[in-house]
Amino acid sequence: MRITPEQIAAIRQGASQLAGSTARVWLFGSRVRDDERGGDVDLLLELDAPVAEPAQLSARLAARVSRAMYGRKVDVLIKAPNLMHLPIHTIALAEGIRL
């Protein structure tokens, strides 16, 4: 996994502050593989409760994590009961690492 413990802490803290203490965050994509280089940070935010404004939540978490990672591009997917489940959600959960 190619993120630091400090970055993991910033991701967890941001998710908890923005989505609540029960939110779970998964890192997936190229940052999971140690043999890769570069790449953006792909996160899946998994929630048990419906989300009223998923785009806003995604953007806020992405911006917060990006600042903590010195401007690195961050993509945030949200998995919640009221949102459509897409194949990328299944891939993120199967290949990702829970932070």
N, C-alpha and C. Protein backbone atom coordinates (compact mmCIF):
# COMPACT_ATOMS: atom_id res chain seq x y z
N MET A 1 0.86 -1.17 0.00
CA MET A 1 0.00 0.00 0.00
C MET A 1 0.90 1.23 0.00
N ARG A 2 0.59 2.17 -0.89
CA ARG A 2 1.46 3.33 -1.06
C ARG A 2 0.86 4.62 -0.52
N ILE A 3 0.51 4.59 0.75
CA ILE A 3 0.17 5.81 1.47
C ILE A 3 0.75 5.68 2.88
N THR A 4 1.05 6.80 3.49
CA THR A 4 1.71 6.80 4.79
C THR A 4 0.69 6.66 5.93
N PRO A 5 1.18 6.27 7.11
CA PRO A 5 0.28 6.23 8.27
C PRO A 5 -0.38 7.58 8.56
N GLU A 6 0.34 8.66 8.33
CA GLU A 6 -0.23 10.00 8.55
C GLU A 6 -1.36 10.27 7.56
N GLN A 7 -1.19 9.83 6.32
CA GLN A 7 -2.23 10.01 5.31
C GLN A 7 -3.45 9.15 5.64
N ILE A 8 -3.21 7.94 6.13
CA ILE A 8 -4.33 7.07 6.55
C ILE A 8 -5.11 7.75 7.66
N ALA A 9 -4.40 8.31 8.64
CA ALA A 9 -5.06 8.99 9.75
C ALA A 9 -5.88 10.17 9.25
N ALA A 10 -5.36 10.93 8.30
CA ALA A 10 -6.09 12.08 7.74
C ALA A 10 -7.35 11.62 7.00
N ILE A 11 -7.25 10.52 6.28
CA ILE A 11 -8.40 9.97 5.56
C ILE A 11 -9.47 9.52 6.55
N ARG A 12 -9.07 8.76 7.56
CA ARG A 12 -10.03 8.29 8.57
C ARG A 12 -10.69 9.44 9.30
N GLN A 13 -9.89 10.43 9.69
CA GLN A 13 -10.42 11.57 10.41
C GLN A 13 -11.41 12.35 9.55
N GLY A 14 -11.07 12.58 8.30
CA GLY A 14 -11.96 13.29 7.39
C GLY A 14 -13.27 12.55 7.19
N ALA A 15 -13.18 11.25 7.01
CA ALA A 15 -14.39 10.44 6.81
C ALA A 15 -15.28 10.49 8.04
N SER A 16 -14.68 10.37 9.20
CA SER A 16 -15.44 10.40 10.45
C SER A 16 -16.10 11.75 10.67
N GLN A 17 -15.37 12.82 10.43
CA GLN A 17 -15.91 14.16 10.63
C GLN A 17 -17.03 14.48 9.64
N LEU A 18 -16.89 14.04 8.42
CA LEU A 18 -17.88 14.39 7.39
C LEU A 18 -19.05 13.42 7.30
N ALA A 19 -18.81 12.13 7.63
CA ALA A 19 -19.84 11.12 7.41
C ALA A 19 -20.23 10.37 8.68
N GLY A 20 -19.58 10.65 9.79
CA GLY A 20 -19.92 9.98 11.04
C GLY A 20 -18.95 8.87 11.39
N SER A 21 -18.98 8.49 12.64
CA SER A 21 -18.01 7.52 13.16
C SER A 21 -18.21 6.10 12.64
N THR A 22 -19.34 5.81 12.07
CA THR A 22 -19.57 4.46 11.55
C THR A 22 -19.14 4.30 10.09
N ALA A 23 -18.70 5.39 9.48
CA ALA A 23 -18.26 5.34 8.07
C ALA A 23 -17.01 4.47 7.96
N ARG A 24 -16.97 3.69 6.89
CA ARG A 24 -15.81 2.84 6.61
C ARG A 24 -15.18 3.33 5.30
N VAL A 25 -13.85 3.35 5.27
CA VAL A 25 -13.14 3.84 4.09
C VAL A 25 -12.23 2.74 3.56
N TRP A 26 -12.29 2.57 2.25
CA TRP A 26 -11.47 1.57 1.56
C TRP A 26 -10.58 2.28 0.55
N LEU A 27 -9.32 1.91 0.52
CA LEU A 27 -8.39 2.37 -0.50
C LEU A 27 -8.36 1.30 -1.59
N PHE A 28 -8.51 1.71 -2.85
CA PHE A 28 -8.44 0.74 -3.95
C PHE A 28 -7.71 1.37 -5.11
N GLY A 29 -7.53 0.62 -6.16
CA GLY A 29 -6.83 1.14 -7.34
C GLY A 29 -5.33 0.99 -7.22
N SER A 30 -4.61 1.84 -7.94
CA SER A 30 -3.16 1.69 -8.06
C SER A 30 -2.42 1.90 -6.74
N ARG A 31 -2.97 2.68 -5.83
CA ARG A 31 -2.28 2.94 -4.56
C ARG A 31 -2.23 1.71 -3.66
N VAL A 32 -3.02 0.69 -3.95
CA VAL A 32 -2.99 -0.55 -3.17
C VAL A 32 -1.78 -1.39 -3.57
N ARG A 33 -1.32 -1.23 -4.80
CA ARG A 33 -0.25 -2.08 -5.33
C ARG A 33 1.12 -1.42 -5.15
N ASP A 34 1.98 -2.11 -4.44
CA ASP A 34 3.33 -1.59 -4.16
C ASP A 34 4.21 -1.52 -5.40
N ASP A 35 3.90 -2.31 -6.43
CA ASP A 35 4.74 -2.34 -7.63
C ASP A 35 4.40 -1.22 -8.62
N GLU A 36 3.37 -0.44 -8.35
CA GLU A 36 2.98 0.66 -9.23
C GLU A 36 3.69 1.94 -8.80
N ARG A 37 3.60 2.95 -9.64
CA ARG A 37 4.16 4.26 -9.32
C ARG A 37 3.12 5.32 -9.61
N GLY A 38 3.18 6.42 -8.84
CA GLY A 38 2.27 7.53 -9.09
C GLY A 38 0.82 7.15 -8.89
N GLY A 39 -0.03 7.86 -9.59
CA GLY A 39 -1.45 7.55 -9.55
C GLY A 39 -2.20 8.37 -8.53
N ASP A 40 -3.49 8.51 -8.78
CA ASP A 40 -4.34 9.23 -7.85
C ASP A 40 -4.72 8.32 -6.69
N VAL A 41 -5.47 8.85 -5.76
CA VAL A 41 -5.92 8.10 -4.59
C VAL A 41 -7.40 7.80 -4.80
N ASP A 42 -7.74 6.53 -4.84
CA ASP A 42 -9.12 6.09 -5.04
C ASP A 42 -9.66 5.58 -3.71
N LEU A 43 -10.75 6.19 -3.23
CA LEU A 43 -11.35 5.81 -1.97
C LEU A 43 -12.81 5.43 -2.17
N LEU A 44 -13.25 4.45 -1.40
CA LEU A 44 -14.67 4.11 -1.33
C LEU A 44 -15.11 4.41 0.10
N LEU A 45 -16.11 5.26 0.24
CA LEU A 45 -16.70 5.58 1.52
C LEU A 45 -17.97 4.76 1.65
N GLU A 46 -17.98 3.84 2.60
CA GLU A 46 -19.11 2.92 2.78
C GLU A 46 -19.92 3.36 4.00
N LEU A 47 -21.22 3.58 3.78
CA LEU A 47 -22.10 4.09 4.83
C LEU A 47 -23.30 3.18 5.00
N ASP A 48 -23.80 3.11 6.24
CA ASP A 48 -24.98 2.30 6.54
C ASP A 48 -26.27 3.10 6.41
N ALA A 49 -26.16 4.42 6.44
CA ALA A 49 -27.34 5.29 6.39
C ALA A 49 -27.42 5.98 5.02
N PRO A 50 -28.61 6.34 4.60
CA PRO A 50 -28.76 7.08 3.35
C PRO A 50 -28.02 8.42 3.38
N VAL A 51 -27.61 8.88 2.21
CA VAL A 51 -26.89 10.14 2.08
C VAL A 51 -27.76 11.12 1.30
N ALA A 52 -27.99 12.29 1.88
CA ALA A 52 -28.85 13.28 1.23
C ALA A 52 -28.15 13.95 0.04
N GLU A 53 -26.87 14.27 0.18
CA GLU A 53 -26.13 14.96 -0.87
C GLU A 53 -24.80 14.25 -1.14
N PRO A 54 -24.85 13.12 -1.85
CA PRO A 54 -23.63 12.32 -2.05
C PRO A 54 -22.54 13.04 -2.83
N ALA A 55 -22.89 13.85 -3.81
CA ALA A 55 -21.85 14.55 -4.59
C ALA A 55 -21.10 15.54 -3.71
N GLN A 56 -21.82 16.23 -2.86
CA GLN A 56 -21.19 17.19 -1.97
C GLN A 56 -20.29 16.49 -0.95
N LEU A 57 -20.77 15.40 -0.39
CA LEU A 57 -19.96 14.63 0.56
C LEU A 57 -18.69 14.11 -0.10
N SER A 58 -18.83 13.57 -1.30
CA SER A 58 -17.68 13.06 -2.04
C SER A 58 -16.67 14.16 -2.31
N ALA A 59 -17.15 15.31 -2.76
CA ALA A 59 -16.25 16.44 -3.07
C ALA A 59 -15.55 16.96 -1.82
N ARG A 60 -16.27 17.05 -0.72
CA ARG A 60 -15.67 17.55 0.52
C ARG A 60 -14.57 16.63 1.02
N LEU A 61 -14.85 15.31 1.01
CA LEU A 61 -13.83 14.37 1.47
C LEU A 61 -12.63 14.37 0.53
N ALA A 62 -12.88 14.39 -0.77
CA ALA A 62 -11.79 14.42 -1.74
C ALA A 62 -10.90 15.65 -1.53
N ALA A 63 -11.52 16.80 -1.33
CA ALA A 63 -10.74 18.04 -1.12
C ALA A 63 -9.93 17.97 0.16
N ARG A 64 -10.52 17.45 1.22
CA ARG A 64 -9.82 17.36 2.50
C ARG A 64 -8.62 16.42 2.40
N VAL A 65 -8.81 15.28 1.78
CA VAL A 65 -7.72 14.31 1.63
C VAL A 65 -6.65 14.86 0.69
N SER A 66 -7.07 15.51 -0.37
CA SER A 66 -6.12 16.10 -1.31
C SER A 66 -5.21 17.11 -0.62
N ARG A 67 -5.79 17.95 0.23
CA ARG A 67 -4.97 18.92 0.98
C ARG A 67 -3.97 18.20 1.88
N ALA A 68 -4.40 17.12 2.51
CA ALA A 68 -3.51 16.37 3.41
C ALA A 68 -2.40 15.66 2.64
N MET A 69 -2.62 15.46 1.33
CA MET A 69 -1.65 14.76 0.50
C MET A 69 -0.99 15.72 -0.50
N TYR A 70 -0.91 16.98 -0.12
CA TYR A 70 -0.19 18.00 -0.89
C TYR A 70 -0.69 18.12 -2.33
N GLY A 71 -2.00 18.09 -2.50
CA GLY A 71 -2.59 18.33 -3.81
C GLY A 71 -2.77 17.11 -4.69
N ARG A 72 -2.46 15.94 -4.17
CA ARG A 72 -2.66 14.70 -4.95
C ARG A 72 -4.13 14.58 -5.33
N LYS A 73 -4.40 14.12 -6.55
CA LYS A 73 -5.78 13.93 -7.01
C LYS A 73 -6.43 12.79 -6.22
N VAL A 74 -7.64 13.03 -5.75
CA VAL A 74 -8.37 12.04 -4.95
C VAL A 74 -9.76 11.85 -5.54
N ASP A 75 -10.13 10.60 -5.74
CA ASP A 75 -11.48 10.25 -6.19
C ASP A 75 -12.18 9.51 -5.05
N VAL A 76 -13.42 9.91 -4.77
CA VAL A 76 -14.18 9.28 -3.69
C VAL A 76 -15.50 8.74 -4.25
N LEU A 77 -15.69 7.45 -4.10
CA LEU A 77 -16.97 6.81 -4.41
C LEU A 77 -17.72 6.63 -3.10
N ILE A 78 -19.04 6.68 -3.18
CA ILE A 78 -19.84 6.47 -1.98
C ILE A 78 -20.77 5.28 -2.19
N LYS A 79 -20.79 4.41 -1.20
CA LYS A 79 -21.70 3.27 -1.18
C LYS A 79 -22.64 3.47 0.00
N ALA A 80 -23.92 3.66 -0.29
CA ALA A 80 -24.93 3.89 0.74
C ALA A 80 -26.24 3.23 0.31
N PRO A 81 -27.12 2.94 1.26
CA PRO A 81 -28.37 2.22 0.92
C PRO A 81 -29.25 2.91 -0.11
N ASN A 82 -29.21 4.22 -0.19
CA ASN A 82 -30.08 4.93 -1.12
C ASN A 82 -29.43 5.22 -2.47
N LEU A 83 -28.20 4.75 -2.66
CA LEU A 83 -27.50 4.99 -3.92
C LEU A 83 -27.41 3.71 -4.74
N MET A 84 -27.39 3.88 -6.06
CA MET A 84 -27.28 2.74 -6.96
C MET A 84 -25.96 2.01 -6.73
N HIS A 85 -26.03 0.69 -6.65
CA HIS A 85 -24.82 -0.12 -6.51
C HIS A 85 -24.28 -0.41 -7.91
N LEU A 86 -23.04 -0.01 -8.14
CA LEU A 86 -22.41 -0.18 -9.44
C LEU A 86 -21.30 -1.22 -9.36
N PRO A 87 -20.88 -1.76 -10.51
CA PRO A 87 -19.79 -2.75 -10.51
C PRO A 87 -18.50 -2.22 -9.86
N ILE A 88 -18.22 -0.93 -9.95
CA ILE A 88 -17.01 -0.37 -9.35
C ILE A 88 -17.04 -0.52 -7.83
N HIS A 89 -18.23 -0.49 -7.23
CA HIS A 89 -18.33 -0.70 -5.79
C HIS A 89 -17.88 -2.12 -5.42
N THR A 90 -18.30 -3.08 -6.20
CA THR A 90 -17.92 -4.47 -5.95
C THR A 90 -16.42 -4.66 -6.11
N ILE A 91 -15.85 -4.05 -7.14
CA ILE A 91 -14.40 -4.13 -7.37
C ILE A 91 -13.64 -3.48 -6.21
N ALA A 92 -14.07 -2.31 -5.79
CA ALA A 92 -13.39 -1.60 -4.71
C ALA A 92 -13.39 -2.41 -3.42
N LEU A 93 -14.52 -3.04 -3.12
CA LEU A 93 -14.60 -3.85 -1.89
C LEU A 93 -13.79 -5.13 -2.00
N ALA A 94 -13.76 -5.73 -3.19
CA ALA A 94 -13.04 -6.99 -3.38
C ALA A 94 -11.52 -6.79 -3.41
N GLU A 95 -11.06 -5.71 -4.05
CA GLU A 95 -9.62 -5.50 -4.25
C GLU A 95 -9.03 -4.48 -3.29
N GLY A 96 -9.87 -3.75 -2.61
CA GLY A 96 -9.39 -2.66 -1.76
C GLY A 96 -8.91 -3.12 -0.40
N ILE A 97 -8.34 -2.16 0.31
CA ILE A 97 -7.86 -2.36 1.67
C ILE A 97 -8.62 -1.40 2.56
N ARG A 98 -9.22 -1.94 3.60
CA ARG A 98 -9.96 -1.06 4.53
C ARG A 98 -8.96 -0.29 5.39
N LEU A 99 -9.17 0.99 5.47
CA LEU A 99 -8.27 1.85 6.25
C LEU A 99 -8.80 2.02 7.66
